[in-house]
Structure formats: structure tokens, C-alpha cells
Protein backbone atom coordinates (compact mmCIF):
# COMPACT_ATOMS: atom_id res chain seq x y z
CA MET A 1 -22.87 89.25 36.27
CA GLY A 2 -19.40 88.43 37.44
CA ASP A 3 -16.15 88.53 35.64
CA VAL A 4 -14.80 85.25 34.31
CA TYR A 5 -11.07 84.57 34.58
CA LYS A 6 -9.59 81.24 33.60
CA GLU A 7 -6.06 80.00 32.91
CA ILE A 8 -5.59 76.79 30.95
CA LEU A 9 -2.15 75.22 30.48
CA VAL A 10 -1.74 72.75 27.60
CA LYS A 11 1.46 70.80 26.97
CA GLN A 12 2.09 70.13 23.30
CA LYS A 13 2.80 66.54 22.36
CA LYS A 14 6.25 65.79 21.00
CA THR A 15 6.02 64.51 17.47
CA SER A 16 8.29 61.99 15.80
CA MET A 17 9.67 64.83 13.69
CA ASP A 18 10.87 66.59 16.85
CA VAL A 19 12.77 63.47 17.90
CA ILE A 20 14.29 63.13 14.43
CA LYS A 21 15.44 66.76 14.50
CA LYS A 22 17.16 66.26 17.86
CA VAL A 23 18.86 63.05 16.73
CA LEU A 24 20.11 64.66 13.51
CA MET A 25 21.48 67.68 15.38
CA ILE A 26 23.33 65.44 17.86
CA ALA A 27 24.71 63.27 15.05
CA ALA A 28 25.96 66.36 13.18
CA ILE A 29 27.71 67.64 16.32
CA ILE A 30 29.40 64.27 16.89
CA LEU A 31 30.55 64.09 13.26
CA LEU A 32 31.92 67.63 13.39
CA ALA A 33 33.76 66.88 16.63
CA ALA A 34 35.29 63.70 15.15
CA ALA A 35 36.31 65.59 12.01
CA GLY A 36 37.89 68.25 14.24
CA ILE A 37 39.93 65.69 16.12
CA PHE A 38 41.13 63.75 13.08
CA PHE A 39 41.28 66.30 10.27
CA HIS A 40 41.26 69.99 11.05
CA PHE A 41 40.74 72.21 14.09
CA ALA A 42 38.11 74.32 12.27
CA PHE A 43 35.63 71.41 12.44
CA LEU A 44 36.03 71.40 16.22
CA LEU A 45 35.05 75.07 16.28
CA LEU A 46 31.99 74.27 14.16
CA ALA A 47 31.08 71.49 16.62
CA THR A 48 31.26 73.99 19.47
CA ALA A 49 28.99 76.38 17.57
CA GLY A 50 26.69 73.40 16.89
CA ILE A 51 26.36 72.75 20.61
CA PHE A 52 25.18 76.31 21.19
CA ALA A 53 22.79 76.07 18.24
CA PHE A 54 21.46 72.75 19.58
CA SER A 55 20.76 74.22 23.01
CA TYR A 56 18.88 77.13 21.43
CA LEU A 57 16.90 75.12 18.86
CA SER A 58 16.00 72.17 21.09
CA ALA A 59 14.39 74.54 23.59
CA GLY A 60 11.77 75.40 20.97
CA LEU A 61 10.76 71.76 20.63
CA ASP A 62 9.42 71.57 24.22
CA ARG A 63 6.31 73.78 24.18
CA GLU A 64 3.39 74.56 26.40
CA TYR A 65 0.51 76.88 25.59
CA GLU A 66 -1.20 78.97 28.22
CA TYR A 67 -4.65 80.30 27.43
CA LEU A 68 -5.76 83.25 29.50
CA TYR A 69 -9.52 83.75 29.22
CA VAL A 70 -10.90 86.99 30.68
CA ASN A 71 -14.52 87.96 29.98
CA GLY A 72 -14.59 86.47 26.50
CA ASP A 73 -11.13 87.59 25.38
CA PHE A 74 -8.30 85.11 24.82
CA ASP A 75 -4.59 85.81 25.28
CA ILE A 76 -2.34 82.94 24.25
CA ASP A 77 1.26 82.56 25.39
CA VAL A 78 3.79 79.94 24.35
CA ILE A 79 6.21 78.70 27.00
CA LYS A 80 9.34 77.16 25.55
CA ASN A 81 11.43 74.74 27.61
CA LYS A 82 9.57 75.88 30.77
CA GLN A 83 11.73 79.02 30.76
CA ARG A 84 10.81 81.50 28.02
CA ARG A 85 7.33 82.94 27.64
CA LYS A 86 6.07 84.85 24.63
CA ARG A 87 2.63 86.23 23.74
CA VAL A 88 1.66 84.72 20.39
CA ALA A 89 -1.95 85.80 19.96
CA SER A 90 -4.76 87.91 21.39
CA TYR A 91 -8.34 87.35 20.34
CA PRO A 92 -11.13 89.71 21.47
CA LEU A 93 -14.67 88.38 21.79
CA ALA A 94 -15.99 91.17 19.55
CA GLN A 95 -14.17 89.65 16.57
CA LEU A 96 -15.35 86.07 17.15
CA VAL A 97 -17.26 84.65 14.19
CA MET A 98 -17.85 81.04 15.28
CA ALA A 99 -16.86 78.58 18.00
CA ALA A 100 -17.25 74.93 17.03
CA PRO A 101 -15.61 71.56 17.55
CA VAL A 102 -13.08 70.56 14.90
CA GLY A 103 -14.87 68.70 12.13
CA SER A 104 -18.17 70.53 12.61
CA HIS A 105 -20.13 71.33 9.47
CA ASP A 106 -20.83 74.80 10.83
CA LEU A 107 -17.23 75.65 9.90
CA ASP A 108 -17.61 74.61 6.25
CA SER A 109 -19.08 77.89 5.05
CA LEU A 110 -16.44 79.92 6.92
CA THR A 111 -13.50 78.03 5.45
CA ALA A 112 -14.90 77.65 1.93
CA ALA A 113 -13.44 80.98 0.80
CA GLY A 114 -9.97 79.56 1.25
CA ASN A 115 -8.24 82.62 2.69
CA VAL A 116 -8.28 81.40 6.31
CA THR A 117 -5.11 81.21 8.38
CA THR A 118 -5.07 78.25 10.76
CA ARG A 119 -3.07 78.56 13.99
CA ASP A 120 -2.75 75.42 16.08
CA PHE A 121 -2.43 76.04 19.82
CA SER A 122 -3.68 72.58 20.79
CA SER A 123 -1.88 69.72 22.50
CA GLY A 124 -1.75 67.63 19.33
CA GLN A 125 -3.07 64.56 21.14
CA GLU A 126 -5.93 62.76 19.47
CA GLU A 127 -7.83 61.99 22.67
CA ASP A 128 -8.08 65.68 23.63
CA LYS A 129 -11.12 67.66 22.52
CA VAL A 130 -10.03 70.39 20.09
CA ILE A 131 -12.21 73.47 19.66
CA CYS A 132 -11.98 75.75 16.64
CA LEU A 133 -12.50 79.46 17.19
CA VAL A 134 -12.81 81.56 14.03
CA TYR A 135 -12.01 85.27 14.26
CA ASP A 136 -12.15 88.16 11.80
CA MET A 137 -8.82 89.90 12.43
CA ASP A 138 -7.20 92.91 10.73
CA LYS A 139 -5.02 90.62 8.59
CA GLY A 140 -7.93 88.45 7.56
CA ARG A 141 -9.82 85.50 8.98
CA GLU A 142 -7.97 83.32 11.52
CA MET A 143 -8.90 79.91 12.83
CA ALA A 144 -7.43 79.12 16.27
CA LEU A 145 -7.38 75.48 17.40
CA MET A 146 -7.39 75.17 21.20
CA ASN A 147 -8.11 72.72 24.00
CA ILE A 148 -10.60 74.71 26.07
CA ASP A 149 -12.98 73.31 28.64
CA GLU A 150 -16.75 73.38 28.97
CA ASP A 151 -16.78 76.33 31.39
CA VAL A 152 -15.21 78.59 28.78
CA ILE A 153 -17.58 77.38 26.07
CA ARG A 154 -20.52 77.93 28.41
CA ASP A 155 -19.37 81.50 29.10
CA ILE A 156 -18.89 82.24 25.38
CA ARG A 157 -22.39 80.87 24.75
CA ARG A 158 -23.76 83.10 27.52
CA ARG A 159 -22.09 86.19 26.01
CA GLU A 160 -22.57 85.45 22.28
CA PRO A 161 -25.13 82.64 21.85
CA ARG A 162 -25.38 82.89 18.06
CA LYS A 163 -21.64 82.45 17.61
CA VAL A 164 -21.47 79.04 19.30
CA SER A 165 -22.13 75.92 17.26
CA ARG A 166 -25.04 73.63 18.03
CA ASP A 167 -22.60 70.69 17.79
CA PHE A 168 -21.49 71.27 21.39
CA GLY A 169 -24.83 70.09 22.66
CA ILE A 170 -26.22 71.22 25.97
CA PHE A 171 -23.88 71.43 28.94
């Protein structure tokens, strides 16, 4: 059997809340600059600090997720503003409990206890197929939402057939 290595890059959809945040930050900077010109110089200094804060915070609104799948293990990185990369999660295959599409009834018994942390690493677009991977981690049970393809699901099924939902059908 060969090793399986796959990289998947998913761009997260910009929500309306992201646009509202940017507009509010720009409006606050403009108001502070106007107040600095007409009233007091200290407002102009706050506007300058606001520009630096805007450049830092707006970079976090443009996100991409990179899934690195190697022999059943997932490493997930977030790439902010196409410049900064950070590892946000690592999931080993040994701790996988269930892989199922979102909305599957196979997940009902796993989430019924209520102490499940959900981490969304998906694109956020409705037309994309979102897969839910449930893991038993040291901190408790985690549910990772990802946009993975059929090759990865097929490999997980080959390695751990009982941990893959029947709702995927036959590939």
C-alpha cells in the first residue's frame, strides 16, 4: 500500500458581517481624522493608530484554509491575507470517531451529549459539500467541518471502514 498525500486549499467566503466590519472601521478612521483637523490634534493621532489597527484586523478577514492529508492524518493551516500562515489544528486518524456529511443522522448520537466543540474550516459556501469529522481529542470531542474531496473519503474508508458514514454512498 502506498502513502497518500493530498493538499486541499479552500478559500473562505466573505460574509456580510466582514464587509460591515470593514466599513465601520473606515468610517471611524475618517471621523477621527476629521475631528483631528477641526477640533484637537489628539484625534488625528488616534486616526493614525486606527489606520494601523485597520491594516492588522482587515488581514484576518481574508482567509484560506489548507488541509494537508497524509496517511489519514489531517493538519489544517489558516492563511490570512495570502501572507501569514498558522497551524490551527492537527487531527490524527487514530482519534477519528466518525466521518459523515453535515446533516447526517449518524452524527446525532455523537452530538447528543452536548459537550462537542465545533470548528468550522469550510468555505462557507452553500453549494460546496461540507464533511463533518468527529474526533476524540485530549480536551474533549471536536467536530471539524471541512470541504474534502472523494479521494480523501475513499482513503479514510479504506483505512477505517467502520468510522465512515453510509450516507456517502459508494464512490
